[in-house]
Amino acid sequence: MLNINKNLDGEKLMVALEGRLDTVTAPEFETELKDSLDAVTELIMDMKDLEYISSAGLRVLLTAQKSMNQKGTMKLINVNDTVMEIFDVTGFVDILTIE
């Protein structure tokens, strides 16, 4: 299960994820993001309550990063140790902006 909380402030979108971003939840998250990014130039994802991310979830993040590279910035904040380890092992620490 994944809870997605979005807060749009002008051209800045804050997305807080809670739960698991995996094969089951990634398609819904991808659709939510695509529908929200049209006028956004700054995307911030708060991963404080994200328990797990699978390769399907990583793909969604990569797609979002590519989209935001063309029109603004994307950063991940409050990444916990479990998710950070997955980013380390997969090399995503070199692709994504993580604070």
PDB file of N, CA and C in Angstrom:
ATOM      1  N   MET A   1       0.839  -1.185   0.000  1.00  0.00           N
ATOM      2  CA  MET A   1       0.000   0.000   0.000  1.00  0.00           C
ATOM      3  C   MET A   1       0.880   1.243   0.000  1.00  0.00           C
ATOM      4  N   LEU A   2       0.447   2.257  -0.756  1.00  0.00           N
ATOM      5  CA  LEU A   2       1.186   3.511  -0.851  1.00  0.00           C
ATOM      6  C   LEU A   2       0.212   4.670  -0.720  1.00  0.00           C
ATOM      7  N   ASN A   3       0.505   5.559   0.229  1.00  0.00           N
ATOM      8  CA  ASN A   3      -0.250   6.802   0.350  1.00  0.00           C
ATOM      9  C   ASN A   3       0.565   7.906  -0.302  1.00  0.00           C
ATOM     10  N   ILE A   4      -0.095   8.692  -1.152  1.00  0.00           N
ATOM     11  CA  ILE A   4       0.562   9.777  -1.868  1.00  0.00           C
ATOM     12  C   ILE A   4      -0.112  11.076  -1.449  1.00  0.00           C
ATOM     13  N   ASN A   5       0.651  11.945  -0.807  1.00  0.00           N
ATOM     14  CA  ASN A   5       0.117  13.238  -0.387  1.00  0.00           C
ATOM     15  C   ASN A   5       0.803  14.323  -1.190  1.00  0.00           C
ATOM     16  N   LYS A   6       0.006  15.070  -1.979  1.00  0.00           N
ATOM     17  CA  LYS A   6       0.568  16.104  -2.840  1.00  0.00           C
ATOM     18  C   LYS A   6       0.169  17.482  -2.330  1.00  0.00           C
ATOM     19  N   ASN A   7       1.119  18.425  -2.450  1.00  0.00           N
ATOM     20  CA  ASN A   7       0.858  19.804  -2.082  1.00  0.00           C
ATOM     21  C   ASN A   7       1.471  20.696  -3.150  1.00  0.00           C
ATOM     22  N   LEU A   8       0.618  21.341  -3.944  1.00  0.00           N
ATOM     23  CA  LEU A   8       1.082  22.201  -5.026  1.00  0.00           C
ATOM     24  C   LEU A   8       1.056  23.649  -4.561  1.00  0.00           C
ATOM     25  N   ASP A   9       2.209  24.319  -4.675  1.00  0.00           N
ATOM     26  CA  ASP A   9       2.336  25.723  -4.299  1.00  0.00           C
ATOM     27  C   ASP A   9       2.944  26.458  -5.486  1.00  0.00           C
ATOM     28  N   GLY A  10       2.101  27.014  -6.331  1.00  0.00           N
ATOM     29  CA  GLY A  10       2.585  27.667  -7.549  1.00  0.00           C
ATOM     30  C   GLY A  10       3.183  26.631  -8.492  1.00  0.00           C
ATOM     31  N   GLU A  11       4.481  26.776  -8.774  1.00  0.00           N
ATOM     32  CA  GLU A  11       5.176  25.830  -9.660  1.00  0.00           C
ATOM     33  C   GLU A  11       5.961  24.782  -8.880  1.00  0.00           C
ATOM     34  N   LYS A  12       5.767  24.744  -7.563  1.00  0.00           N
ATOM     35  CA  LYS A  12       6.487  23.805  -6.692  1.00  0.00           C
ATOM     36  C   LYS A  12       5.517  22.740  -6.195  1.00  0.00           C
ATOM     37  N   LEU A  13       5.880  21.474  -6.452  1.00  0.00           N
ATOM     38  CA  LEU A  13       5.056  20.350  -6.007  1.00  0.00           C
ATOM     39  C   LEU A  13       5.815  19.532  -4.979  1.00  0.00           C
ATOM     40  N   MET A  14       5.202  19.368  -3.811  1.00  0.00           N
ATOM     41  CA  MET A  14       5.756  18.519  -2.757  1.00  0.00           C
ATOM     42  C   MET A  14       4.929  17.242  -2.724  1.00  0.00           C
ATOM     43  N   VAL A  15       5.617  16.096  -2.840  1.00  0.00           N
ATOM     44  CA  VAL A  15       4.946  14.801  -2.804  1.00  0.00           C
ATOM     45  C   VAL A  15       5.518  14.001  -1.639  1.00  0.00           C
ATOM     46  N   ALA A  16       4.675  13.634  -0.700  1.00  0.00           N
ATOM     47  CA  ALA A  16       5.093  12.808   0.436  1.00  0.00           C
ATOM     48  C   ALA A  16       4.592  11.385   0.205  1.00  0.00           C
ATOM     49  N   LEU A  17       5.516  10.442   0.288  1.00  0.00           N
ATOM     50  CA  LEU A  17       5.175   9.037   0.066  1.00  0.00           C
ATOM     51  C   LEU A  17       5.204   8.282   1.385  1.00  0.00           C
ATOM     52  N   GLU A  18       4.197   7.430   1.569  1.00  0.00           N
ATOM     53  CA  GLU A  18       4.108   6.645   2.796  1.00  0.00           C
ATOM     54  C   GLU A  18       3.725   5.219   2.431  1.00  0.00           C
ATOM     55  N   GLY A  19       4.578   4.268   2.801  1.00  0.00           N
ATOM     56  CA  GLY A  19       4.294   2.861   2.523  1.00  0.00           C
ATOM     57  C   GLY A  19       5.324   2.247   1.604  1.00  0.00           C
ATOM     58  N   ARG A  20       4.841   1.476   0.622  1.00  0.00           N
ATOM     59  CA  ARG A  20       5.718   0.731  -0.278  1.00  0.00           C
ATOM     60  C   ARG A  20       5.505   1.175  -1.725  1.00  0.00           C
ATOM     61  N   LEU A  21       6.607   1.505  -2.395  1.00  0.00           N
ATOM     62  CA  LEU A  21       6.558   1.841  -3.816  1.00  0.00           C
ATOM     63  C   LEU A  21       7.113   0.632  -4.556  1.00  0.00           C
ATOM     64  N   ASP A  22       6.191  -0.214  -5.026  1.00  0.00           N
ATOM     65  CA  ASP A  22       6.596  -1.487  -5.625  1.00  0.00           C
ATOM     66  C   ASP A  22       5.802  -1.759  -6.899  1.00  0.00           C
ATOM     67  N   THR A  23       5.853  -2.975  -7.377  1.00  0.00           N
ATOM     68  CA  THR A  23       5.190  -3.354  -8.631  1.00  0.00           C
ATOM     69  C   THR A  23       3.693  -3.066  -8.597  1.00  0.00           C
ATOM     70  N   VAL A  24       3.081  -3.216  -7.439  1.00  0.00           N
ATOM     71  CA  VAL A  24       1.641  -3.005  -7.299  1.00  0.00           C
ATOM     72  C   VAL A  24       1.294  -1.511  -7.293  1.00  0.00           C
ATOM     73  N   THR A  25       2.093  -0.698  -6.588  1.00  0.00           N
ATOM     74  CA  THR A  25       1.744   0.708  -6.391  1.00  0.00           C
ATOM     75  C   THR A  25       2.402   1.663  -7.387  1.00  0.00           C
ATOM     76  N   ALA A  26       3.456   1.231  -8.059  1.00  0.00           N
ATOM     77  CA  ALA A  26       4.185   2.116  -8.976  1.00  0.00           C
ATOM     78  C   ALA A  26       3.320   2.667 -10.117  1.00  0.00           C
ATOM     79  N   PRO A  27       2.471   1.850 -10.759  1.00  0.00           N
ATOM     80  CA  PRO A  27       1.654   2.403 -11.855  1.00  0.00           C
ATOM     81  C   PRO A  27       0.742   3.556 -11.403  1.00  0.00           C
ATOM     82  N   GLU A  28       0.135   3.412 -10.237  1.00  0.00           N
ATOM     83  CA  GLU A  28      -0.728   4.476  -9.711  1.00  0.00           C
ATOM     84  C   GLU A  28       0.091   5.736  -9.437  1.00  0.00           C
ATOM     85  N   PHE A  29       1.262   5.557  -8.833  1.00  0.00           N
ATOM     86  CA  PHE A  29       2.123   6.698  -8.526  1.00  0.00           C
ATOM     87  C   PHE A  29       2.585   7.388  -9.809  1.00  0.00           C
ATOM     88  N   GLU A  30       2.931   6.601 -10.820  1.00  0.00           N
ATOM     89  CA  GLU A  30       3.366   7.167 -12.094  1.00  0.00           C
ATOM     90  C   GLU A  30       2.254   8.011 -12.728  1.00  0.00           C
ATOM     91  N   THR A  31       1.032   7.503 -12.689  1.00  0.00           N
ATOM     92  CA  THR A  31      -0.106   8.240 -13.231  1.00  0.00           C
ATOM     93  C   THR A  31      -0.337   9.538 -12.455  1.00  0.00           C
ATOM     94  N   GLU A  32      -0.287   9.453 -11.123  1.00  0.00           N
ATOM     95  CA  GLU A  32      -0.460  10.637 -10.271  1.00  0.00           C
ATOM     96  C   GLU A  32       0.573  11.700 -10.617  1.00  0.00           C
ATOM     97  N   LEU A  33       1.831  11.270 -10.786  1.00  0.00           N
ATOM     98  CA  LEU A  33       2.903  12.216 -11.094  1.00  0.00           C
ATOM     99  C   LEU A  33       2.700  12.859 -12.459  1.00  0.00           C
ATOM    100  N   LYS A  34       2.458  12.033 -13.465  1.00  0.00           N
ATOM    101  CA  LYS A  34       2.269  12.551 -14.829  1.00  0.00           C
ATOM    102  C   LYS A  34       1.165  13.594 -14.875  1.00  0.00           C
ATOM    103  N   ASP A  35       0.084  13.337 -14.164  1.00  0.00           N
ATOM    104  CA  ASP A  35      -1.055  14.248 -14.157  1.00  0.00           C
ATOM    105  C   ASP A  35      -0.759  15.546 -13.399  1.00  0.00           C
ATOM    106  N   SER A  36       0.296  15.556 -12.594  1.00  0.00           N
ATOM    107  CA  SER A  36       0.571  16.701 -11.722  1.00  0.00           C
ATOM    108  C   SER A  36       1.730  17.576 -12.189  1.00  0.00           C
ATOM    109  N   LEU A  37       2.528  17.119 -13.132  1.00  0.00           N
ATOM    110  CA  LEU A  37       3.787  17.804 -13.450  1.00  0.00           C
ATOM    111  C   LEU A  37       3.709  18.868 -14.531  1.00  0.00           C
ATOM    112  N   ASP A  38       2.565  19.059 -15.159  1.00  0.00           N
ATOM    113  CA  ASP A  38       2.481  19.976 -16.294  1.00  0.00           C
ATOM    114  C   ASP A  38       3.085  21.353 -16.032  1.00  0.00           C
ATOM    115  N   ALA A  39       2.656  22.027 -14.993  1.00  0.00           N
ATOM    116  CA  ALA A  39       3.112  23.393 -14.730  1.00  0.00           C
ATOM    117  C   ALA A  39       4.164  23.457 -13.626  1.00  0.00           C
ATOM    118  N   VAL A  40       4.750  22.326 -13.272  1.00  0.00           N
ATOM    119  CA  VAL A  40       5.690  22.257 -12.156  1.00  0.00           C
ATOM    120  C   VAL A  40       7.126  22.428 -12.643  1.00  0.00           C
ATOM    121  N   THR A  41       7.875  23.299 -11.958  1.00  0.00           N
ATOM    122  CA  THR A  41       9.303  23.457 -12.263  1.00  0.00           C
ATOM    123  C   THR A  41      10.182  22.963 -11.117  1.00  0.00           C
ATOM    124  N   GLU A  42       9.579  22.727  -9.959  1.00  0.00           N
ATOM    125  CA  GLU A  42      10.323  22.194  -8.813  1.00  0.00           C
ATOM    126  C   GLU A  42       9.515  21.057  -8.190  1.00  0.00           C
ATOM    127  N   LEU A  43      10.114  19.869  -8.181  1.00  0.00           N
ATOM    128  CA  LEU A  43       9.467  18.686  -7.612  1.00  0.00           C
ATOM    129  C   LEU A  43      10.290  18.212  -6.419  1.00  0.00           C
ATOM    130  N   ILE A  44       9.644  18.112  -5.278  1.00  0.00           N
ATOM    131  CA  ILE A  44      10.302  17.631  -4.057  1.00  0.00           C
ATOM    132  C   ILE A  44       9.535  16.409  -3.578  1.00  0.00           C
ATOM    133  N   MET A  45      10.257  15.308  -3.385  1.00  0.00           N
ATOM    134  CA  MET A  45       9.635  14.092  -2.868  1.00  0.00           C
ATOM    135  C   MET A  45      10.151  13.822  -1.464  1.00  0.00           C
ATOM    136  N   ASP A  46       9.221  13.797  -0.511  1.00  0.00           N
ATOM    137  CA  ASP A  46       9.550  13.516   0.878  1.00  0.00           C
ATOM    138  C   ASP A  46       9.382  12.010   1.104  1.00  0.00           C
ATOM    139  N   MET A  47      10.488  11.348   1.407  1.00  0.00           N
ATOM    140  CA  MET A  47      10.479   9.887   1.524  1.00  0.00           C
ATOM    141  C   MET A  47      10.624   9.414   2.967  1.00  0.00           C
ATOM    142  N   LYS A  48      10.307  10.290   3.905  1.00  0.00           N
ATOM    143  CA  LYS A  48      10.458   9.958   5.325  1.00  0.00           C
ATOM    144  C   LYS A  48       9.711   8.685   5.699  1.00  0.00           C
ATOM    145  N   ASP A  49       8.509   8.506   5.162  1.00  0.00           N
ATOM    146  CA  ASP A  49       7.671   7.365   5.534  1.00  0.00           C
ATOM    147  C   ASP A  49       7.600   6.285   4.455  1.00  0.00           C
ATOM    148  N   LEU A  50       8.537   6.346   3.485  1.00  0.00           N
ATOM    149  CA  LEU A  50       8.597   5.298   2.466  1.00  0.00           C
ATOM    150  C   LEU A  50       9.374   4.114   3.038  1.00  0.00           C
ATOM    151  N   GLU A  51       8.715   2.963   3.117  1.00  0.00           N
ATOM    152  CA  GLU A  51       9.315   1.793   3.751  1.00  0.00           C
ATOM    153  C   GLU A  51      10.165   0.973   2.787  1.00  0.00           C
ATOM    154  N   TYR A  52       9.803   0.984   1.496  1.00  0.00           N
ATOM    155  CA  TYR A  52      10.452   0.097   0.533  1.00  0.00           C
ATOM    156  C   TYR A  52      10.257   0.655  -0.874  1.00  0.00           C
ATOM    157  N   ILE A  53      11.253   0.449  -1.725  1.00  0.00           N
ATOM    158  CA  ILE A  53      11.115   0.804  -3.131  1.00  0.00           C
ATOM    159  C   ILE A  53      11.684  -0.335  -3.973  1.00  0.00           C
ATOM    160  N   SER A  54      10.927  -0.763  -4.974  1.00  0.00           N
ATOM    161  CA  SER A  54      11.359  -1.854  -5.855  1.00  0.00           C
ATOM    162  C   SER A  54      11.883  -1.263  -7.161  1.00  0.00           C
ATOM    163  N   SER A  55      12.276  -2.135  -8.080  1.00  0.00           N
ATOM    164  CA  SER A  55      12.762  -1.670  -9.381  1.00  0.00           C
ATOM    165  C   SER A  55      11.666  -0.917 -10.137  1.00  0.00           C
ATOM    166  N   ALA A  56      10.415  -1.306  -9.945  1.00  0.00           N
ATOM    167  CA  ALA A  56       9.305  -0.589 -10.584  1.00  0.00           C
ATOM    168  C   ALA A  56       9.220   0.842 -10.050  1.00  0.00           C
ATOM    169  N   GLY A  57       9.423   0.994  -8.762  1.00  0.00           N
ATOM    170  CA  GLY A  57       9.425   2.327  -8.154  1.00  0.00           C
ATOM    171  C   GLY A  57      10.613   3.150  -8.623  1.00  0.00           C
ATOM    172  N   LEU A  58      11.771   2.511  -8.750  1.00  0.00           N
ATOM    173  CA  LEU A  58      12.963   3.204  -9.247  1.00  0.00           C
ATOM    174  C   LEU A  58      12.729   3.713 -10.669  1.00  0.00           C
ATOM    175  N   ARG A  59      12.051   2.911 -11.474  1.00  0.00           N
ATOM    176  CA  ARG A  59      11.765   3.317 -12.849  1.00  0.00           C
ATOM    177  C   ARG A  59      10.904   4.582 -12.878  1.00  0.00           C
ATOM    178  N   VAL A  60       9.916   4.662 -11.990  1.00  0.00           N
ATOM    179  CA  VAL A  60       9.055   5.839 -11.919  1.00  0.00           C
ATOM    180  C   VAL A  60       9.875   7.068 -11.527  1.00  0.00           C
ATOM    181  N   LEU A  61      10.791   6.906 -10.568  1.00  0.00           N
ATOM    182  CA  LEU A  61      11.642   8.025 -10.159  1.00  0.00           C
ATOM    183  C   LEU A  61      12.539   8.473 -11.301  1.00  0.00           C
ATOM    184  N   LEU A  62      13.079   7.512 -12.039  1.00  0.00           N
ATOM    185  CA  LEU A  62      13.945   7.837 -13.173  1.00  0.00           C
ATOM    186  C   LEU A  62      13.168   8.589 -14.256  1.00  0.00           C
ATOM    187  N   THR A  63      11.960   8.151 -14.544  1.00  0.00           N
ATOM    188  CA  THR A  63      11.110   8.824 -15.526  1.00  0.00           C
ATOM    189  C   THR A  63      10.797  10.253 -15.075  1.00  0.00           C
ATOM    190  N   ALA A  64      10.489  10.420 -13.794  1.00  0.00           N
ATOM    191  CA  ALA A  64      10.195  11.751 -13.257  1.00  0.00           C
ATOM    192  C   ALA A  64      11.435  12.635 -13.337  1.00  0.00           C
ATOM    193  N   GLN A  65      12.603  12.081 -13.037  1.00  0.00           N
ATOM    194  CA  GLN A  65      13.851  12.840 -13.088  1.00  0.00           C
ATOM    195  C   GLN A  65      14.119  13.324 -14.515  1.00  0.00           C
ATOM    196  N   LYS A  66      13.940  12.442 -15.485  1.00  0.00           N
ATOM    197  CA  LYS A  66      14.148  12.820 -16.887  1.00  0.00           C
ATOM    198  C   LYS A  66      13.192  13.932 -17.297  1.00  0.00           C
ATOM    199  N   SER A  67      11.942  13.835 -16.882  1.00  0.00           N
ATOM    200  CA  SER A  67      10.949  14.858 -17.195  1.00  0.00           C
ATOM    201  C   SER A  67      11.320  16.190 -16.557  1.00  0.00           C
ATOM    202  N   MET A  68      11.722  16.160 -15.298  1.00  0.00           N
ATOM    203  CA  MET A  68      12.050  17.395 -14.583  1.00  0.00           C
ATOM    204  C   MET A  68      13.360  18.009 -15.080  1.00  0.00           C
ATOM    205  N   ASN A  69      14.285  17.199 -15.593  1.00  0.00           N
ATOM    206  CA  ASN A  69      15.536  17.732 -16.140  1.00  0.00           C
ATOM    207  C   ASN A  69      15.268  18.706 -17.276  1.00  0.00           C
ATOM    208  N   GLN A  70      14.176  18.502 -17.991  1.00  0.00           N
ATOM    209  CA  GLN A  70      13.845  19.340 -19.143  1.00  0.00           C
ATOM    210  C   GLN A  70      13.199  20.659 -18.753  1.00  0.00           C
ATOM    211  N   LYS A  71      12.662  20.742 -17.515  1.00  0.00           N
ATOM    212  CA  LYS A  71      11.919  21.957 -17.177  1.00  0.00           C
ATOM    213  C   LYS A  71      12.142  22.484 -15.772  1.00  0.00           C
ATOM    214  N   GLY A  72      13.026  21.855 -15.021  1.00  0.00           N
ATOM    215  CA  GLY A  72      13.236  22.323 -13.656  1.00  0.00           C
ATOM    216  C   GLY A  72      14.094  21.378 -12.852  1.00  0.00           C
ATOM    217  N   THR A  73      13.745  21.224 -11.582  1.00  0.00           N
ATOM    218  CA  THR A  73      14.551  20.406 -10.676  1.00  0.00           C
ATOM    219  C   THR A  73      13.686  19.404  -9.933  1.00  0.00           C
ATOM    220  N   MET A  74      14.338  18.338  -9.502  1.00  0.00           N
ATOM    221  CA  MET A  74      13.689  17.323  -8.666  1.00  0.00           C
ATOM    222  C   MET A  74      14.668  16.930  -7.588  1.00  0.00           C
ATOM    223  N   LYS A  75      14.194  16.856  -6.359  1.00  0.00           N
ATOM    224  CA  LYS A  75      15.046  16.373  -5.279  1.00  0.00           C
ATOM    225  C   LYS A  75      14.251  15.503  -4.326  1.00  0.00           C
ATOM    226  N   LEU A  76      14.973  14.585  -3.690  1.00  0.00           N
ATOM    227  CA  LEU A  76      14.394  13.692  -2.698  1.00  0.00           C
ATOM    228  C   LEU A  76      14.888  14.134  -1.334  1.00  0.00           C
ATOM    229  N   ILE A  77      13.981  14.206  -0.369  1.00  0.00           N
ATOM    230  CA  ILE A  77      14.373  14.597   0.981  1.00  0.00           C
ATOM    231  C   ILE A  77      13.939  13.526   1.985  1.00  0.00           C
ATOM    232  N   ASN A  78      14.591  13.541   3.147  1.00  0.00           N
ATOM    233  CA  ASN A  78      14.251  12.642   4.258  1.00  0.00           C
ATOM    234  C   ASN A  78      14.277  11.175   3.859  1.00  0.00           C
ATOM    235  N   VAL A  79      15.265  10.775   3.060  1.00  0.00           N
ATOM    236  CA  VAL A  79      15.368   9.375   2.640  1.00  0.00           C
ATOM    237  C   VAL A  79      15.917   8.560   3.808  1.00  0.00           C
ATOM    238  N   ASN A  80      15.180   7.513   4.188  1.00  0.00           N
ATOM    239  CA  ASN A  80      15.623   6.684   5.317  1.00  0.00           C
ATOM    240  C   ASN A  80      16.731   5.717   4.885  1.00  0.00           C
ATOM    241  N   ASP A  81      17.348   5.066   5.851  1.00  0.00           N
ATOM    242  CA  ASP A  81      18.504   4.200   5.586  1.00  0.00           C
ATOM    243  C   ASP A  81      18.173   3.029   4.664  1.00  0.00           C
ATOM    244  N   THR A  82      16.990   2.452   4.834  1.00  0.00           N
ATOM    245  CA  THR A  82      16.599   1.299   4.019  1.00  0.00           C
ATOM    246  C   THR A  82      16.516   1.675   2.540  1.00  0.00           C
ATOM    247  N   VAL A  83      15.830   2.765   2.253  1.00  0.00           N
ATOM    248  CA  VAL A  83      15.676   3.216   0.868  1.00  0.00           C
ATOM    249  C   VAL A  83      17.013   3.725   0.332  1.00  0.00           C
ATOM    250  N   MET A  84      17.790   4.412   1.167  1.00  0.00           N
ATOM    251  CA  MET A  84      19.097   4.926   0.734  1.00  0.00           C
ATOM    252  C   MET A  84      20.024   3.786   0.333  1.00  0.00           C
ATOM    253  N   GLU A  85      19.946   2.668   1.045  1.00  0.00           N
ATOM    254  CA  GLU A  85      20.759   1.507   0.697  1.00  0.00           C
ATOM    255  C   GLU A  85      20.406   0.996  -0.701  1.00  0.00           C
ATOM    256  N   ILE A  86      19.123   0.997  -1.034  1.00  0.00           N
ATOM    257  CA  ILE A  86      18.685   0.583  -2.373  1.00  0.00           C
ATOM    258  C   ILE A  86      19.221   1.558  -3.417  1.00  0.00           C
ATOM    259  N   PHE A  87      19.168   2.867  -3.125  1.00  0.00           N
ATOM    260  CA  PHE A  87      19.723   3.860  -4.046  1.00  0.00           C
ATOM    261  C   PHE A  87      21.224   3.660  -4.228  1.00  0.00           C
ATOM    262  N   ASP A  88      21.922   3.327  -3.147  1.00  0.00           N
ATOM    263  CA  ASP A  88      23.375   3.086  -3.212  1.00  0.00           C
ATOM    264  C   ASP A  88      23.694   1.886  -4.101  1.00  0.00           C
ATOM    265  N   VAL A  89      23.033   0.768  -3.836  1.00  0.00           N
ATOM    266  CA  VAL A  89      23.306  -0.484  -4.545  1.00  0.00           C
ATOM    267  C   VAL A  89      22.998  -0.360  -6.040  1.00  0.00           C
ATOM    268  N   THR A  90      21.943   0.385  -6.373  1.00  0.00           N
ATOM    269  CA  THR A  90      21.520   0.499  -7.772  1.00  0.00           C
ATOM    270  C   THR A  90      22.221   1.630  -8.524  1.00  0.00           C
ATOM    271  N   GLY A  91      22.977   2.468  -7.809  1.00  0.00           N
ATOM    272  CA  GLY A  91      23.651   3.590  -8.452  1.00  0.00           C
ATOM    273  C   GLY A  91      22.769   4.816  -8.601  1.00  0.00           C
ATOM    274  N   PHE A  92      21.565   4.775  -8.047  1.00  0.00           N
ATOM    275  CA  PHE A  92      20.657   5.915  -8.164  1.00  0.00           C
ATOM    276  C   PHE A  92      21.132   7.137  -7.376  1.00  0.00           C
ATOM    277  N   VAL A  93      22.071   6.934  -6.443  1.00  0.00           N
ATOM    278  CA  VAL A  93      22.623   8.094  -5.718  1.00  0.00           C
ATOM    279  C   VAL A  93      23.359   9.024  -6.672  1.00  0.00           C
ATOM    280  N   ASP A  94      23.843   8.481  -7.795  1.00  0.00           N
ATOM    281  CA  ASP A  94      24.547   9.298  -8.780  1.00  0.00           C
ATOM    282  C   ASP A  94      23.601   9.953  -9.780  1.00  0.00           C
ATOM    283  N   ILE A  95      22.354   9.499  -9.825  1.00  0.00           N
ATOM    284  CA  ILE A  95      21.378  10.005 -10.796  1.00  0.00           C
ATOM    285  C   ILE A  95      20.450  11.030 -10.169  1.00  0.00           C
ATOM    286  N   LEU A  96      20.035  10.763  -8.930  1.00  0.00           N
ATOM    287  CA  LEU A  96      19.038  11.589  -8.255  1.00  0.00           C
ATOM    288  C   LEU A  96      19.708  12.597  -7.320  1.00  0.00           C
ATOM    289  N   THR A  97      19.027  13.709  -7.089  1.00  0.00           N
ATOM    290  CA  THR A  97      19.479  14.690  -6.096  1.00  0.00           C
ATOM    291  C   THR A  97      18.818  14.305  -4.783  1.00  0.00           C
ATOM    292  N   ILE A  98      19.645  13.911  -3.812  1.00  0.00           N
ATOM    293  CA  ILE A  98      19.140  13.440  -2.517  1.00  0.00           C
ATOM    294  C   ILE A  98      19.699  14.350  -1.417  1.00  0.00           C
ATOM    295  N   GLU A  99      18.811  14.904  -0.638  1.00  0.00           N
ATOM    296  CA  GLU A  99      19.245  15.791   0.470  1.00  0.00           C
ATOM    297  C   GLU A  99      18.822  15.224   1.798  1.00  0.00           C
TER     298      GLU A  99
END
